[in-house]
Amino acid sequence: MPAPQISESATRPTTTAAAPTPADLFRGFAKVGLSGFGGVLPWARRMLVDTERWLTAEEFNVLLGLCQFLPGPNVVNLAVAVGVRCCGWRGAVSGALGLMLGPFLIALVLGLLYARYGELPAVQSMLHGITLVGAGLIIATGIRMGLNVKQRVLYLPFAGAAFVALVLLHW
């Protein structure tokens, strides 16, 4: 019996926009990398799903699940996975460099500034506020991702148990 044939359309991504070039990936992920510091997942989802439409919401959820399984930072893994999917190794390099180059340079400058001015009360208050904004963005992204999951009812007990363990029991 001959092996089943897979059509070309079955192996292509089912996105809603044209596939990006390596330069598009670099620019897109550079904007994402510069949009947040230490937590850019909400911005990555917005760029990939809502703005550029390189992935559908379901594709994003599946790809992010895979990237969370892999070692390393989830969003960097996501940039590499999207890059490979769209442009092969050139896309992987472009996406990862775009995501990390800007924040790397900013971190160098901020480190120098913090060493000089970090003890000032105004700086400490600002850092506390930034922490709260980051937490809000992560919560909002989790809710938006959860709305796209089929059969949500099956996962609610696990989400409730995680909430109790983390928030109430401080595990």
Protein backbone atom coordinates (compact mmCIF):
# COMPACT_ATOMS: atom_id res chain seq x y z
CA MET A 1 0.00 0.00 0.00
CA PRO A 2 1.53 3.38 -0.94
CA ALA A 3 2.21 6.00 1.73
CA PRO A 4 -0.47 8.66 2.04
CA GLN A 5 0.35 11.88 0.22
CA ILE A 6 0.19 15.16 2.08
CA SER A 7 -0.88 18.09 -0.03
CA GLU A 8 1.18 21.27 -0.04
CA SER A 9 -1.75 23.23 1.40
CA ALA A 10 -1.85 20.90 4.40
CA THR A 11 1.74 21.71 5.34
CA ARG A 12 1.48 25.47 4.88
CA PRO A 13 0.59 27.64 7.86
CA THR A 14 -3.10 28.55 8.03
CA THR A 15 -2.50 32.19 8.87
CA THR A 16 -4.61 35.10 7.76
CA ALA A 17 -1.79 37.20 6.21
CA ALA A 18 1.12 36.74 3.83
CA ALA A 19 4.20 35.07 5.29
CA PRO A 20 6.73 37.59 6.61
CA THR A 21 10.27 38.03 5.35
CA PRO A 22 13.25 37.85 7.75
CA ALA A 23 13.31 41.67 7.76
CA ASP A 24 9.60 41.73 8.68
CA LEU A 25 10.27 39.29 11.51
CA PHE A 26 13.18 41.38 12.80
CA ARG A 27 11.09 44.59 12.74
CA GLY A 28 8.04 42.94 14.30
CA PHE A 29 9.93 41.27 17.12
CA ALA A 30 12.09 44.39 17.66
CA LYS A 31 8.88 46.35 18.31
CA VAL A 32 7.75 43.61 20.68
CA GLY A 33 11.10 43.57 22.47
CA LEU A 34 10.99 47.33 22.94
CA SER A 35 7.33 47.34 24.07
CA GLY A 36 7.94 45.64 27.40
CA PHE A 37 10.73 44.71 29.71
CA GLY A 38 10.85 41.23 31.19
CA GLY A 39 7.36 40.27 30.04
CA VAL A 40 6.52 40.81 26.40
CA LEU A 41 4.15 37.91 25.85
CA PRO A 42 1.09 40.19 25.64
CA TRP A 43 2.82 42.32 23.02
CA ALA A 44 3.99 39.25 21.08
CA ARG A 45 0.45 37.89 20.94
CA ARG A 46 -0.93 41.25 19.83
CA MET A 47 1.67 41.53 17.06
CA LEU A 48 1.47 37.93 15.84
CA VAL A 49 -2.31 37.43 16.06
CA ASP A 50 -4.06 40.81 16.04
CA THR A 51 -1.80 43.23 14.15
CA GLU A 52 0.26 41.25 11.61
CA ARG A 53 -2.00 38.16 11.53
CA TRP A 54 0.93 35.83 10.98
CA LEU A 55 -0.79 33.32 13.32
CA THR A 56 -4.37 32.62 14.26
CA ALA A 57 -5.32 32.70 17.94
CA GLU A 58 -5.43 28.90 18.05
CA GLU A 59 -2.06 28.56 16.28
CA PHE A 60 -0.55 31.01 18.78
CA ASN A 61 -1.84 28.97 21.73
CA VAL A 62 -0.49 25.71 20.29
CA LEU A 63 2.89 27.20 19.38
CA LEU A 64 3.26 28.89 22.77
CA GLY A 65 2.46 25.57 24.48
CA LEU A 66 5.29 23.95 22.55
CA CYS A 67 7.64 26.84 23.37
CA GLN A 68 6.86 26.54 27.08
CA PHE A 69 7.91 22.89 26.93
CA LEU A 70 11.30 23.78 25.40
CA PRO A 71 14.19 25.03 27.54
CA GLY A 72 14.83 28.76 27.54
CA PRO A 73 12.69 31.89 27.64
CA ASN A 74 9.22 31.24 26.23
CA VAL A 75 8.99 34.37 24.07
CA VAL A 76 12.47 33.84 22.60
CA ASN A 77 11.45 30.27 21.79
CA LEU A 78 8.28 31.68 20.22
CA ALA A 79 10.29 34.14 18.07
CA VAL A 80 12.53 31.29 16.91
CA ALA A 81 9.57 28.97 16.21
CA VAL A 82 7.66 31.60 14.24
CA GLY A 83 10.84 32.50 12.37
CA VAL A 84 11.56 28.87 11.44
CA ARG A 85 7.96 28.35 10.40
CA CYS A 86 7.97 31.39 8.11
CA CYS A 87 11.54 31.71 6.80
CA GLY A 88 13.64 28.80 8.02
CA TRP A 89 16.87 29.44 9.92
CA ARG A 90 17.11 33.04 8.64
CA GLY A 91 13.73 33.77 10.15
CA ALA A 92 14.74 32.15 13.43
CA VAL A 93 17.86 34.31 13.69
CA SER A 94 15.97 37.45 12.63
CA GLY A 95 13.14 36.93 15.10
CA ALA A 96 15.44 36.17 18.04
CA LEU A 97 17.82 39.05 17.30
CA GLY A 98 14.95 41.46 16.78
CA LEU A 99 13.43 40.45 20.09
CA MET A 100 16.64 40.63 22.15
CA LEU A 101 18.89 43.32 20.66
CA GLY A 102 16.96 46.41 21.80
CA PRO A 103 16.31 45.20 25.35
CA PHE A 104 19.95 44.14 25.68
CA LEU A 105 21.16 47.64 24.87
CA ILE A 106 18.53 49.23 27.11
CA ALA A 107 19.47 46.91 29.99
CA LEU A 108 23.08 48.02 29.72
CA VAL A 109 22.11 51.69 29.96
CA LEU A 110 19.55 51.09 32.74
CA GLY A 111 22.11 49.12 34.74
CA LEU A 112 24.46 52.06 34.65
CA LEU A 113 21.69 54.47 35.67
CA TYR A 114 20.46 52.19 38.47
CA ALA A 115 23.95 51.90 39.89
CA ARG A 116 24.01 55.66 40.21
CA TYR A 117 20.38 56.56 41.10
CA GLY A 118 18.74 53.31 42.27
CA GLU A 119 18.42 54.26 45.94
CA LEU A 120 16.26 57.34 45.30
CA PRO A 121 12.66 56.97 46.63
CA ALA A 122 11.19 58.16 43.32
CA VAL A 123 13.05 55.42 41.45
CA GLN A 124 11.85 52.78 43.93
CA SER A 125 8.22 53.96 43.56
CA MET A 126 8.48 53.86 39.78
CA LEU A 127 9.82 50.30 39.83
CA HIS A 128 6.93 49.19 42.07
CA GLY A 129 4.42 50.67 39.63
CA ILE A 130 6.04 48.96 36.68
CA THR A 131 5.73 45.63 38.52
CA LEU A 132 1.98 46.11 38.92
CA VAL A 133 1.51 47.00 35.26
CA GLY A 134 3.42 43.88 34.18
CA ALA A 135 1.26 41.66 36.38
CA GLY A 136 -1.90 43.19 34.90
CA LEU A 137 -0.70 42.56 31.36
CA ILE A 138 0.05 38.91 32.10
CA ILE A 139 -3.38 38.40 33.69
CA ALA A 140 -5.12 40.04 30.72
CA THR A 141 -3.18 37.89 28.26
CA GLY A 142 -4.07 34.73 30.19
CA ILE A 143 -7.76 35.65 30.05
CA ARG A 144 -7.61 36.38 26.30
CA MET A 145 -5.82 33.09 25.65
CA GLY A 146 -8.30 31.21 27.80
CA LEU A 147 -11.21 32.56 25.77
CA ASN A 148 -9.76 30.88 22.66
CA VAL A 149 -9.41 27.44 24.26
CA LYS A 150 -11.98 24.90 23.20
CA GLN A 151 -13.61 22.93 26.03
CA ARG A 152 -12.64 25.52 28.68
CA VAL A 153 -14.75 23.78 31.33
CA LEU A 154 -12.28 20.86 31.44
CA TYR A 155 -9.42 23.20 32.44
CA LEU A 156 -11.23 25.32 35.04
CA PRO A 157 -10.51 22.98 37.99
CA PHE A 158 -6.78 23.06 37.17
CA ALA A 159 -6.81 26.85 36.91
CA GLY A 160 -8.66 27.05 40.24
CA ALA A 161 -6.18 24.71 41.92
CA ALA A 162 -3.23 26.72 40.56
CA PHE A 163 -4.83 29.94 41.84
CA VAL A 164 -5.35 28.49 45.31
CA ALA A 165 -1.80 27.08 45.42
CA LEU A 166 -0.12 30.28 44.26
CA VAL A 167 -2.24 33.07 45.68
CA LEU A 168 -3.75 31.62 48.83
CA LEU A 169 -1.15 29.06 49.92
CA HIS A 170 1.89 30.95 48.53
CA TRP A 171 3.44 27.80 47.05
